Amino acid sequence: MEDPEDTEVVSSEIRYITIELMKIASREKKSFSKVASEFIGNAYALNSLIEESIAMTETFRKEKTDTR
């Protein structure tokens, strides 16, 4: 069961992101769908970079520990 407070925070963040994406779409004269798709693609790309960085850091730490 989800915490109602967490649900409220997520809903608030989604509303904020939606408004910002609508502003970008209007300013760039693109559809909201196009801008939202670009945002989601960028979010997935960022997530992948973060995961790669974590994996590299863990590998580095393991190698450093193994050489002691």
PDB file of N, CA and C in Angstrom:
ATOM      1  N   MET A   1       0.835  -1.189   0.000  1.00  0.00           N
ATOM      2  CA  MET A   1       0.000   0.000   0.000  1.00  0.00           C
ATOM      3  C   MET A   1       0.880   1.253   0.000  1.00  0.00           C
ATOM      4  N   GLU A   2       0.561   2.179  -0.879  1.00  0.00           N
ATOM      5  CA  GLU A   2       1.356   3.398  -1.002  1.00  0.00           C
ATOM      6  C   GLU A   2       0.984   4.400   0.082  1.00  0.00           C
ATOM      7  N   ASP A   3       1.984   5.158   0.465  1.00  0.00           N
ATOM      8  CA  ASP A   3       1.773   6.225   1.423  1.00  0.00           C
ATOM      9  C   ASP A   3       1.057   7.377   0.706  1.00  0.00           C
ATOM     10  N   PRO A   4      -0.091   7.826   1.224  1.00  0.00           N
ATOM     11  CA  PRO A   4      -0.822   8.922   0.553  1.00  0.00           C
ATOM     12  C   PRO A   4       0.019  10.188   0.382  1.00  0.00           C
ATOM     13  N   GLU A   5       0.928  10.428   1.318  1.00  0.00           N
ATOM     14  CA  GLU A   5       1.787  11.607   1.214  1.00  0.00           C
ATOM     15  C   GLU A   5       2.732  11.480   0.020  1.00  0.00           C
ATOM     16  N   ASP A   6       3.263  10.278  -0.209  1.00  0.00           N
ATOM     17  CA  ASP A   6       4.128  10.040  -1.369  1.00  0.00           C
ATOM     18  C   ASP A   6       3.358  10.253  -2.665  1.00  0.00           C
ATOM     19  N   THR A   7       2.126   9.778  -2.703  1.00  0.00           N
ATOM     20  CA  THR A   7       1.285   9.932  -3.889  1.00  0.00           C
ATOM     21  C   THR A   7       1.046  11.403  -4.181  1.00  0.00           C
ATOM     22  N   GLU A   8       0.820  12.192  -3.137  1.00  0.00           N
ATOM     23  CA  GLU A   8       0.606  13.633  -3.312  1.00  0.00           C
ATOM     24  C   GLU A   8       1.862  14.307  -3.861  1.00  0.00           C
ATOM     25  N   VAL A   9       3.010  13.915  -3.368  1.00  0.00           N
ATOM     26  CA  VAL A   9       4.274  14.505  -3.826  1.00  0.00           C
ATOM     27  C   VAL A   9       4.494  14.164  -5.294  1.00  0.00           C
ATOM     28  N   VAL A  10       4.279  12.911  -5.653  1.00  0.00           N
ATOM     29  CA  VAL A  10       4.460  12.488  -7.047  1.00  0.00           C
ATOM     30  C   VAL A  10       3.481  13.237  -7.946  1.00  0.00           C
ATOM     31  N   SER A  11       2.240  13.342  -7.528  1.00  0.00           N
ATOM     32  CA  SER A  11       1.237  14.070  -8.328  1.00  0.00           C
ATOM     33  C   SER A  11       1.632  15.529  -8.515  1.00  0.00           C
ATOM     34  N   SER A  12       2.151  16.130  -7.471  1.00  0.00           N
ATOM     35  CA  SER A  12       2.590  17.522  -7.547  1.00  0.00           C
ATOM     36  C   SER A  12       3.749  17.672  -8.527  1.00  0.00           C
ATOM     37  N   GLU A  13       4.705  16.757  -8.458  1.00  0.00           N
ATOM     38  CA  GLU A  13       5.852  16.798  -9.374  1.00  0.00           C
ATOM     39  C   GLU A  13       5.401  16.611 -10.820  1.00  0.00           C
ATOM     40  N   ILE A  14       4.478  15.701 -11.049  1.00  0.00           N
ATOM     41  CA  ILE A  14       3.968  15.464 -12.407  1.00  0.00           C
ATOM     42  C   ILE A  14       3.274  16.711 -12.933  1.00  0.00           C
ATOM     43  N   ARG A  15       2.488  17.365 -12.082  1.00  0.00           N
ATOM     44  CA  ARG A  15       1.825  18.613 -12.511  1.00  0.00           C
ATOM     45  C   ARG A  15       2.857  19.670 -12.883  1.00  0.00           C
ATOM     46  N   TYR A  16       3.893  19.821 -12.061  1.00  0.00           N
ATOM     47  CA  TYR A  16       4.937  20.811 -12.328  1.00  0.00           C
ATOM     48  C   TYR A  16       5.640  20.510 -13.647  1.00  0.00           C
ATOM     49  N   ILE A  17       6.052  19.264 -13.841  1.00  0.00           N
ATOM     50  CA  ILE A  17       6.738  18.877 -15.079  1.00  0.00           C
ATOM     51  C   ILE A  17       5.833  19.097 -16.280  1.00  0.00           C
ATOM     52  N   THR A  18       4.558  18.755 -16.152  1.00  0.00           N
ATOM     53  CA  THR A  18       3.610  18.938 -17.252  1.00  0.00           C
ATOM     54  C   THR A  18       3.502  20.406 -17.647  1.00  0.00           C
ATOM     55  N   ILE A  19       3.401  21.279 -16.666  1.00  0.00           N
ATOM     56  CA  ILE A  19       3.300  22.720 -16.949  1.00  0.00           C
ATOM     57  C   ILE A  19       4.565  23.222 -17.639  1.00  0.00           C
ATOM     58  N   GLU A  20       5.727  22.790 -17.148  1.00  0.00           N
ATOM     59  CA  GLU A  20       6.988  23.210 -17.763  1.00  0.00           C
ATOM     60  C   GLU A  20       7.105  22.693 -19.197  1.00  0.00           C
ATOM     61  N   LEU A  21       6.694  21.451 -19.427  1.00  0.00           N
ATOM     62  CA  LEU A  21       6.733  20.906 -20.790  1.00  0.00           C
ATOM     63  C   LEU A  21       5.752  21.645 -21.706  1.00  0.00           C
ATOM     64  N   MET A  22       4.609  22.039 -21.165  1.00  0.00           N
ATOM     65  CA  MET A  22       3.643  22.814 -21.962  1.00  0.00           C
ATOM     66  C   MET A  22       4.239  24.170 -22.353  1.00  0.00           C
ATOM     67  N   LYS A  23       4.962  24.798 -21.430  1.00  0.00           N
ATOM     68  CA  LYS A  23       5.608  26.084 -21.729  1.00  0.00           C
ATOM     69  C   LYS A  23       6.649  25.911 -22.833  1.00  0.00           C
ATOM     70  N   ILE A  24       7.455  24.859 -22.728  1.00  0.00           N
ATOM     71  CA  ILE A  24       8.478  24.585 -23.747  1.00  0.00           C
ATOM     72  C   ILE A  24       7.826  24.329 -25.096  1.00  0.00           C
ATOM     73  N   ALA A  25       6.771  23.516 -25.105  1.00  0.00           N
ATOM     74  CA  ALA A  25       6.076  23.200 -26.357  1.00  0.00           C
ATOM     75  C   ALA A  25       5.548  24.470 -27.005  1.00  0.00           C
ATOM     76  N   SER A  26       4.975  25.338 -26.209  1.00  0.00           N
ATOM     77  CA  SER A  26       4.440  26.592 -26.742  1.00  0.00           C
ATOM     78  C   SER A  26       5.554  27.482 -27.274  1.00  0.00           C
ATOM     79  N   ARG A  27       6.620  27.620 -26.504  1.00  0.00           N
ATOM     80  CA  ARG A  27       7.744  28.482 -26.898  1.00  0.00           C
ATOM     81  C   ARG A  27       8.422  27.981 -28.167  1.00  0.00           C
ATOM     82  N   GLU A  28       8.578  26.661 -28.285  1.00  0.00           N
ATOM     83  CA  GLU A  28       9.272  26.082 -29.439  1.00  0.00           C
ATOM     84  C   GLU A  28       8.326  25.713 -30.580  1.00  0.00           C
ATOM     85  N   LYS A  29       7.051  25.979 -30.371  1.00  0.00           N
ATOM     86  CA  LYS A  29       6.029  25.681 -31.387  1.00  0.00           C
ATOM     87  C   LYS A  29       6.067  24.210 -31.807  1.00  0.00           C
ATOM     88  N   LYS A  30       6.135  23.349 -30.798  1.00  0.00           N
ATOM     89  CA  LYS A  30       6.096  21.904 -30.994  1.00  0.00           C
ATOM     90  C   LYS A  30       4.885  21.365 -30.245  1.00  0.00           C
ATOM     91  N   SER A  31       4.488  20.154 -30.588  1.00  0.00           N
ATOM     92  CA  SER A  31       3.374  19.555 -29.856  1.00  0.00           C
ATOM     93  C   SER A  31       3.850  19.137 -28.466  1.00  0.00           C
ATOM     94  N   PHE A  32       2.911  19.136 -27.536  1.00  0.00           N
ATOM     95  CA  PHE A  32       3.232  18.683 -26.186  1.00  0.00           C
ATOM     96  C   PHE A  32       3.765  17.255 -26.233  1.00  0.00           C
ATOM     97  N   SER A  33       3.158  16.414 -27.063  1.00  0.00           N
ATOM     98  CA  SER A  33       3.564  15.013 -27.186  1.00  0.00           C
ATOM     99  C   SER A  33       5.025  14.897 -27.605  1.00  0.00           C
ATOM    100  N   LYS A  34       5.452  15.715 -28.556  1.00  0.00           N
ATOM    101  CA  LYS A  34       6.839  15.696 -29.036  1.00  0.00           C
ATOM    102  C   LYS A  34       7.795  16.105 -27.919  1.00  0.00           C
ATOM    103  N   VAL A  35       7.468  17.182 -27.230  1.00  0.00           N
ATOM    104  CA  VAL A  35       8.327  17.673 -26.151  1.00  0.00           C
ATOM    105  C   VAL A  35       8.375  16.659 -25.011  1.00  0.00           C
ATOM    106  N   ALA A  36       7.227  16.092 -24.673  1.00  0.00           N
ATOM    107  CA  ALA A  36       7.180  15.094 -23.599  1.00  0.00           C
ATOM    108  C   ALA A  36       7.992  13.856 -23.976  1.00  0.00           C
ATOM    109  N   SER A  37       7.916  13.434 -25.229  1.00  0.00           N
ATOM    110  CA  SER A  37       8.699  12.281 -25.689  1.00  0.00           C
ATOM    111  C   SER A  37      10.194  12.554 -25.582  1.00  0.00           C
ATOM    112  N   GLU A  38      10.605  13.761 -25.954  1.00  0.00           N
ATOM    113  CA  GLU A  38      12.017  14.137 -25.830  1.00  0.00           C
ATOM    114  C   GLU A  38      12.443  14.134 -24.364  1.00  0.00           C
ATOM    115  N   PHE A  39      11.592  14.658 -23.502  1.00  0.00           N
ATOM    116  CA  PHE A  39      11.885  14.685 -22.071  1.00  0.00           C
ATOM    117  C   PHE A  39      12.061  13.269 -21.520  1.00  0.00           C
ATOM    118  N   ILE A  40      11.140  12.391 -21.874  1.00  0.00           N
ATOM    119  CA  ILE A  40      11.197  11.006 -21.392  1.00  0.00           C
ATOM    120  C   ILE A  40      12.457  10.316 -21.918  1.00  0.00           C
ATOM    121  N   GLY A  41      12.771  10.528 -23.188  1.00  0.00           N
ATOM    122  CA  GLY A  41      13.997   9.958 -23.746  1.00  0.00           C
ATOM    123  C   GLY A  41      15.229  10.451 -23.016  1.00  0.00           C
ATOM    124  N   ASN A  42      15.262  11.746 -22.710  1.00  0.00           N
ATOM    125  CA  ASN A  42      16.388  12.313 -21.965  1.00  0.00           C
ATOM    126  C   ASN A  42      16.459  11.747 -20.549  1.00  0.00           C
ATOM    127  N   ALA A  43      15.308  11.542 -19.935  1.00  0.00           N
ATOM    128  CA  ALA A  43      15.277  10.976 -18.579  1.00  0.00           C
ATOM    129  C   ALA A  43      15.844   9.557 -18.577  1.00  0.00           C
ATOM    130  N   TYR A  44      15.465   8.755 -19.583  1.00  0.00           N
ATOM    131  CA  TYR A  44      16.004   7.396 -19.679  1.00  0.00           C
ATOM    132  C   TYR A  44      17.509   7.418 -19.954  1.00  0.00           C
ATOM    133  N   ALA A  45      17.951   8.336 -20.799  1.00  0.00           N
ATOM    134  CA  ALA A  45      19.381   8.444 -21.096  1.00  0.00           C
ATOM    135  C   ALA A  45      20.156   8.838 -19.839  1.00  0.00           C
ATOM    136  N   LEU A  46      19.625   9.783 -19.085  1.00  0.00           N
ATOM    137  CA  LEU A  46      20.274  10.195 -17.844  1.00  0.00           C
ATOM    138  C   LEU A  46      20.327   9.039 -16.855  1.00  0.00           C
ATOM    139  N   ASN A  47      19.234   8.308 -16.741  1.00  0.00           N
ATOM    140  CA  ASN A  47      19.197   7.159 -15.841  1.00  0.00           C
ATOM    141  C   ASN A  47      20.261   6.127 -16.227  1.00  0.00           C
ATOM    142  N   SER A  48      20.412   5.876 -17.517  1.00  0.00           N
ATOM    143  CA  SER A  48      21.427   4.927 -17.981  1.00  0.00           C
ATOM    144  C   SER A  48      22.836   5.407 -17.627  1.00  0.00           C
ATOM    145  N   LEU A  49      23.088   6.695 -17.819  1.00  0.00           N
ATOM    146  CA  LEU A  49      24.398   7.251 -17.467  1.00  0.00           C
ATOM    147  C   LEU A  49      24.686   7.119 -15.977  1.00  0.00           C
ATOM    148  N   ILE A  50      23.670   7.361 -15.164  1.00  0.00           N
ATOM    149  CA  ILE A  50      23.826   7.234 -13.716  1.00  0.00           C
ATOM    150  C   ILE A  50      24.129   5.786 -13.344  1.00  0.00           C
ATOM    151  N   GLU A  51      23.381   4.854 -13.934  1.00  0.00           N
ATOM    152  CA  GLU A  51      23.612   3.436 -13.642  1.00  0.00           C
ATOM    153  C   GLU A  51      25.016   3.002 -14.072  1.00  0.00           C
ATOM    154  N   GLU A  52      25.465   3.464 -15.233  1.00  0.00           N
ATOM    155  CA  GLU A  52      26.821   3.145 -15.697  1.00  0.00           C
ATOM    156  C   GLU A  52      27.872   3.712 -14.746  1.00  0.00           C
ATOM    157  N   SER A  53      27.653   4.920 -14.291  1.00  0.00           N
ATOM    158  CA  SER A  53      28.589   5.554 -13.369  1.00  0.00           C
ATOM    159  C   SER A  53      28.655   4.786 -12.051  1.00  0.00           C
ATOM    160  N   ILE A  54      27.505   4.364 -11.550  1.00  0.00           N
ATOM    161  CA  ILE A  54      27.466   3.579 -10.315  1.00  0.00           C
ATOM    162  C   ILE A  54      28.224   2.272 -10.506  1.00  0.00           C
ATOM    163  N   ALA A  55      27.986   1.599 -11.617  1.00  0.00           N
ATOM    164  CA  ALA A  55      28.662   0.326 -11.892  1.00  0.00           C
ATOM    165  C   ALA A  55      30.173   0.518 -11.977  1.00  0.00           C
ATOM    166  N   MET A  56      30.601   1.590 -12.639  1.00  0.00           N
ATOM    167  CA  MET A  56      32.036   1.857 -12.758  1.00  0.00           C
ATOM    168  C   MET A  56      32.644   2.155 -11.391  1.00  0.00           C
ATOM    169  N   THR A  57      31.928   2.912 -10.573  1.00  0.00           N
ATOM    170  CA  THR A  57      32.416   3.242  -9.233  1.00  0.00           C
ATOM    171  C   THR A  57      32.536   1.982  -8.390  1.00  0.00           C
ATOM    172  N   GLU A  58      31.537   1.109  -8.466  1.00  0.00           N
ATOM    173  CA  GLU A  58      31.582  -0.141  -7.704  1.00  0.00           C
ATOM    174  C   GLU A  58      32.738  -1.019  -8.166  1.00  0.00           C
ATOM    175  N   THR A  59      32.961  -1.080  -9.470  1.00  0.00           N
ATOM    176  CA  THR A  59      34.074  -1.857 -10.015  1.00  0.00           C
ATOM    177  C   THR A  59      35.402  -1.284  -9.530  1.00  0.00           C
ATOM    178  N   PHE A  60      35.535   0.021  -9.582  1.00  0.00           N
ATOM    179  CA  PHE A  60      36.757   0.678  -9.136  1.00  0.00           C
ATOM    180  C   PHE A  60      37.013   0.393  -7.662  1.00  0.00           C
ATOM    181  N   ARG A  61      35.971   0.517  -6.845  1.00  0.00           N
ATOM    182  CA  ARG A  61      36.130   0.254  -5.407  1.00  0.00           C
ATOM    183  C   ARG A  61      36.532  -1.193  -5.149  1.00  0.00           C
ATOM    184  N   LYS A  62      35.927  -2.127  -5.900  1.00  0.00           N
ATOM    185  CA  LYS A  62      36.244  -3.543  -5.728  1.00  0.00           C
ATOM    186  C   LYS A  62      37.703  -3.803  -6.114  1.00  0.00           C
ATOM    187  N   GLU A  63      38.125  -3.235  -7.246  1.00  0.00           N
ATOM    188  CA  GLU A  63      39.517  -3.417  -7.681  1.00  0.00           C
ATOM    189  C   GLU A  63      40.477  -2.818  -6.674  1.00  0.00           C
ATOM    190  N   LYS A  64      40.134  -1.673  -6.128  1.00  0.00           N
ATOM    191  CA  LYS A  64      40.984  -1.004  -5.150  1.00  0.00           C
ATOM    192  C   LYS A  64      41.094  -1.859  -3.879  1.00  0.00           C
ATOM    193  N   THR A  65      39.982  -2.460  -3.465  1.00  0.00           N
ATOM    194  CA  THR A  65      39.963  -3.309  -2.273  1.00  0.00           C
ATOM    195  C   THR A  65      40.740  -4.593  -2.519  1.00  0.00           C
ATOM    196  N   ASP A  66      40.601  -5.157  -3.728  1.00  0.00           N
ATOM    197  CA  ASP A  66      41.278  -6.414  -4.050  1.00  0.00           C
ATOM    198  C   ASP A  66      42.796  -6.271  -4.110  1.00  0.00           C
ATOM    199  N   THR A  67      43.289  -5.076  -4.395  1.00  0.00           N
ATOM    200  CA  THR A  67      44.735  -4.880  -4.544  1.00  0.00           C
ATOM    201  C   THR A  67      45.410  -4.589  -3.206  1.00  0.00           C
ATOM    202  N   ARG A  68      44.664  -4.460  -2.155  1.00  0.00           N
ATOM    203  CA  ARG A  68      45.246  -4.163  -0.836  1.00  0.00           C
ATOM    204  C   ARG A  68      45.782  -5.378  -0.188  1.00  0.00           C
TER     205      ARG A  68
END
